[in-house]
Amino acid sequence: MKFIPTKLEGCFILEPTVILDERGYFMESFNEQTFQKGIGQSIHFVQDNQSYSSKGVLRGLHYQCGEHAQAKLVRVLQGEVLDVAVDIRPDSPTYGQYESVLLSGENQRQFFVPRGFAHGFLVLSNTATFFYKCDNFYHKESEGGVLFSDPKIGIDWEFPSREMIISEKDKFQPLLENAKKVW
């Protein structure tokens, strides 16, 4: 497994070793010891989630606050998405900046999003199956969000916004400056 640091401290792109032959492929998608060594910290995942979405679906930007904050290890099992993390830690030198990565069933990449980041993704293929691990349980009252089109963040979603399929909740998330504080 290759761990590629991003411009956002704590966010990593993971590229697994894929063994191909005439039968197909084999890869180790997660190994706790390798993962913890690769990111330089001890993370214990407690919950797995999966979603299935069609082209143009945008989910996010979401996060959990306080004692319910979550780190996520995300991947795409089928299809292709543009995955985005936004640094929402007020004291961070990269506060308000984002990192995006193309995740697909073909490239097998994964993205580690630590606590203190808003997270979202946009489906670029006809459909996509998205899978992620969380290091804390979901807590509805601790949920926060940031508007996907916040002009100060300036995310390039690489897709026309008029063609996006967005939940009512996500259409009306606050700007980062008005969002619920992480800590």
Protein backbone atom coordinates (compact mmCIF):
# COMPACT_ATOMS: atom_id res chain seq x y z
CA MET A 1 0.00 0.00 0.00
CA LYS A 2 1.32 3.41 -0.98
CA PHE A 3 0.37 6.43 1.21
CA ILE A 4 0.47 9.77 -0.60
CA PRO A 5 0.24 12.88 1.61
CA THR A 6 -1.86 15.77 0.28
CA LYS A 7 -1.54 19.53 0.80
CA LEU A 8 -3.98 19.16 3.73
CA GLU A 9 -2.19 17.85 6.79
CA GLY A 10 -3.55 14.44 7.79
CA CYS A 11 -5.32 13.70 4.47
CA PHE A 12 -3.81 10.84 2.46
CA ILE A 13 -4.49 9.16 -0.86
CA LEU A 14 -3.94 5.42 -0.60
CA GLU A 15 -2.95 3.28 -3.56
CA PRO A 16 -3.14 -0.46 -2.87
CA THR A 17 -0.94 -3.07 -4.43
CA VAL A 18 -3.14 -4.86 -6.98
CA ILE A 19 -2.15 -8.34 -8.20
CA LEU A 20 -3.58 -9.02 -11.66
CA ASP A 21 -3.72 -12.29 -13.57
CA GLU A 22 -6.04 -14.13 -15.97
CA ARG A 23 -8.56 -14.71 -13.16
CA GLY A 24 -8.93 -11.04 -12.30
CA TYR A 25 -7.29 -9.25 -9.39
CA PHE A 26 -6.54 -9.50 -5.69
CA MET A 27 -5.70 -6.68 -3.30
CA GLU A 28 -5.60 -6.01 0.40
CA SER A 29 -7.97 -3.06 0.85
CA PHE A 30 -7.36 -2.57 4.57
CA ASN A 31 -4.84 -3.75 7.13
CA GLU A 32 -4.95 -1.92 10.46
CA GLN A 33 -1.21 -2.19 11.14
CA THR A 34 -0.22 -1.04 7.64
CA PHE A 35 -2.80 1.76 7.74
CA GLN A 36 -1.73 3.11 11.13
CA LYS A 37 1.94 3.01 10.16
CA GLY A 38 1.16 4.73 6.82
CA ILE A 39 -0.77 7.66 8.31
CA GLY A 40 1.35 7.87 11.47
CA GLN A 41 -1.47 7.61 13.97
CA SER A 42 -3.66 5.07 15.70
CA ILE A 43 -7.18 4.94 14.23
CA HIS A 44 -9.74 2.29 15.09
CA PHE A 45 -12.72 2.09 12.75
CA VAL A 46 -16.10 1.20 14.28
CA GLN A 47 -18.64 1.62 11.48
CA ASP A 48 -18.85 0.80 7.75
CA ASN A 49 -21.26 2.63 5.42
CA GLN A 50 -22.17 2.16 1.77
CA SER A 51 -24.17 4.21 -0.71
CA TYR A 52 -25.28 3.71 -4.29
CA SER A 53 -25.90 6.79 -6.43
CA SER A 54 -26.45 7.80 -10.04
CA LYS A 55 -24.55 10.26 -12.23
CA GLY A 56 -24.62 13.83 -10.98
CA VAL A 57 -25.51 12.99 -7.37
CA LEU A 58 -23.62 15.22 -4.96
CA ARG A 59 -23.46 14.14 -1.32
CA GLY A 60 -21.98 16.57 1.18
CA LEU A 61 -20.18 18.49 2.46
CA HIS A 62 -20.77 16.80 5.86
CA TYR A 63 -18.94 16.38 9.15
CA GLN A 64 -19.55 15.49 12.80
CA CYS A 65 -18.72 17.88 15.69
CA GLY A 66 -17.11 17.56 19.10
CA GLU A 67 -16.84 14.17 20.75
CA HIS A 68 -18.71 12.66 17.78
CA ALA A 69 -16.22 13.88 15.14
CA GLN A 70 -15.36 11.21 12.57
CA ALA A 71 -12.36 10.27 10.49
CA LYS A 72 -13.23 8.40 7.29
CA LEU A 73 -11.46 6.02 4.94
CA VAL A 74 -13.40 6.16 1.67
CA ARG A 75 -13.32 4.19 -1.58
CA VAL A 76 -15.42 3.41 -4.64
CA LEU A 77 -16.30 -0.22 -5.31
CA GLN A 78 -17.94 0.44 -8.70
CA GLY A 79 -18.08 3.58 -10.83
CA GLU A 80 -16.23 6.88 -10.44
CA VAL A 81 -16.54 9.86 -8.09
CA LEU A 82 -14.79 13.10 -7.39
CA ASP A 83 -14.14 12.96 -3.66
CA VAL A 84 -13.51 16.18 -1.72
CA ALA A 85 -12.25 17.06 1.77
CA VAL A 86 -12.34 20.64 3.13
CA ASP A 87 -10.24 21.69 6.11
CA ILE A 88 -12.66 23.23 8.63
CA ARG A 89 -10.23 23.43 11.56
CA PRO A 90 -10.20 27.17 12.42
CA ASP A 91 -6.59 27.18 13.69
CA SER A 92 -5.21 25.25 10.70
CA PRO A 93 -2.92 26.97 8.18
CA THR A 94 -5.02 25.30 5.44
CA TYR A 95 -8.41 26.31 6.90
CA GLY A 96 -10.99 26.64 4.09
CA GLN A 97 -8.81 24.83 1.54
CA TYR A 98 -9.83 21.61 -0.16
CA GLU A 99 -8.32 18.51 -1.71
CA SER A 100 -10.07 16.51 -4.41
CA VAL A 101 -9.23 13.06 -5.71
CA LEU A 102 -10.74 10.86 -8.39
CA LEU A 103 -11.78 7.53 -6.86
CA SER A 104 -13.00 4.66 -8.99
CA GLY A 105 -13.55 0.94 -8.99
CA GLU A 106 -10.85 0.84 -11.65
CA ASN A 107 -8.06 2.81 -9.94
CA GLN A 108 -8.85 1.27 -6.48
CA ARG A 109 -7.59 4.43 -4.75
CA GLN A 110 -8.79 5.29 -1.27
CA PHE A 111 -8.87 8.63 0.53
CA PHE A 112 -8.31 9.12 4.24
CA VAL A 113 -10.18 12.14 5.65
CA PRO A 114 -9.28 12.86 9.30
CA ARG A 115 -11.44 14.51 11.93
CA GLY A 116 -11.86 18.25 11.42
CA PHE A 117 -12.71 18.05 7.71
CA ALA A 118 -15.98 18.37 5.83
CA HIS A 119 -16.37 15.62 3.24
CA GLY A 120 -18.43 15.09 0.10
CA PHE A 121 -18.41 13.46 -3.31
CA LEU A 122 -19.93 13.82 -6.76
CA VAL A 123 -20.75 10.80 -8.96
CA LEU A 124 -19.18 11.13 -12.43
CA SER A 125 -20.08 7.71 -13.86
CA ASN A 126 -23.60 6.41 -14.66
CA THR A 127 -23.72 4.87 -11.17
CA ALA A 128 -21.30 4.44 -8.28
CA THR A 129 -21.11 2.30 -5.17
CA PHE A 130 -19.32 4.25 -2.44
CA PHE A 131 -17.94 2.59 0.70
CA TYR A 132 -16.41 4.12 3.80
CA LYS A 133 -15.18 3.31 7.27
CA CYS A 134 -15.69 5.70 10.21
CA ASP A 135 -13.77 5.85 13.48
CA ASN A 136 -16.78 7.09 15.45
CA PHE A 137 -20.49 6.34 15.40
CA TYR A 138 -22.89 8.70 13.63
CA HIS A 139 -24.71 11.10 15.97
CA LYS A 140 -27.49 13.14 14.33
CA GLU A 141 -27.34 16.06 16.77
CA SER A 142 -23.61 16.50 16.09
CA GLU A 143 -23.95 16.68 12.31
CA GLY A 144 -22.68 19.76 10.52
CA GLY A 145 -22.40 20.81 6.91
CA VAL A 146 -20.89 23.34 4.54
CA LEU A 147 -22.43 24.55 1.28
CA PHE A 148 -20.87 22.64 -1.63
CA SER A 149 -20.70 25.84 -3.70
CA ASP A 150 -19.22 28.16 -1.05
CA PRO A 151 -17.38 30.73 -3.20
CA LYS A 152 -14.62 31.24 -0.60
CA ILE A 153 -13.71 27.55 -0.83
CA GLY A 154 -14.13 27.48 -4.62
CA ILE A 155 -14.37 23.73 -5.22
CA ASP A 156 -14.03 22.77 -8.88
CA TRP A 157 -16.50 19.89 -9.04
CA GLU A 158 -15.61 19.29 -12.72
CA PHE A 159 -19.34 18.94 -13.47
CA PRO A 160 -22.07 21.48 -14.35
CA SER A 161 -23.96 22.48 -11.19
CA ARG A 162 -27.25 22.71 -13.13
CA GLU A 163 -26.97 18.93 -13.78
CA MET A 164 -26.22 17.98 -10.17
CA ILE A 165 -28.75 16.05 -8.10
CA ILE A 166 -28.57 17.50 -4.60
CA SER A 167 -30.70 16.83 -1.50
CA GLU A 168 -32.68 19.72 -0.07
CA LYS A 169 -30.50 19.54 3.05
CA ASP A 170 -27.29 19.92 1.03
CA LYS A 171 -28.66 22.74 -1.15
CA PHE A 172 -29.09 24.90 1.93
CA GLN A 173 -26.03 24.11 4.05
CA PRO A 174 -24.35 27.23 5.51
CA LEU A 175 -21.24 28.90 4.16
CA LEU A 176 -18.09 27.81 5.97
CA GLU A 177 -17.94 31.09 7.95
CA ASN A 178 -21.44 30.37 9.34
CA ALA A 179 -21.09 26.60 9.80
CA LYS A 180 -21.35 24.78 13.12
CA LYS A 181 -17.94 24.76 14.79
CA VAL A 182 -16.08 21.46 14.69
CA TRP A 183 -14.79 21.50 18.26
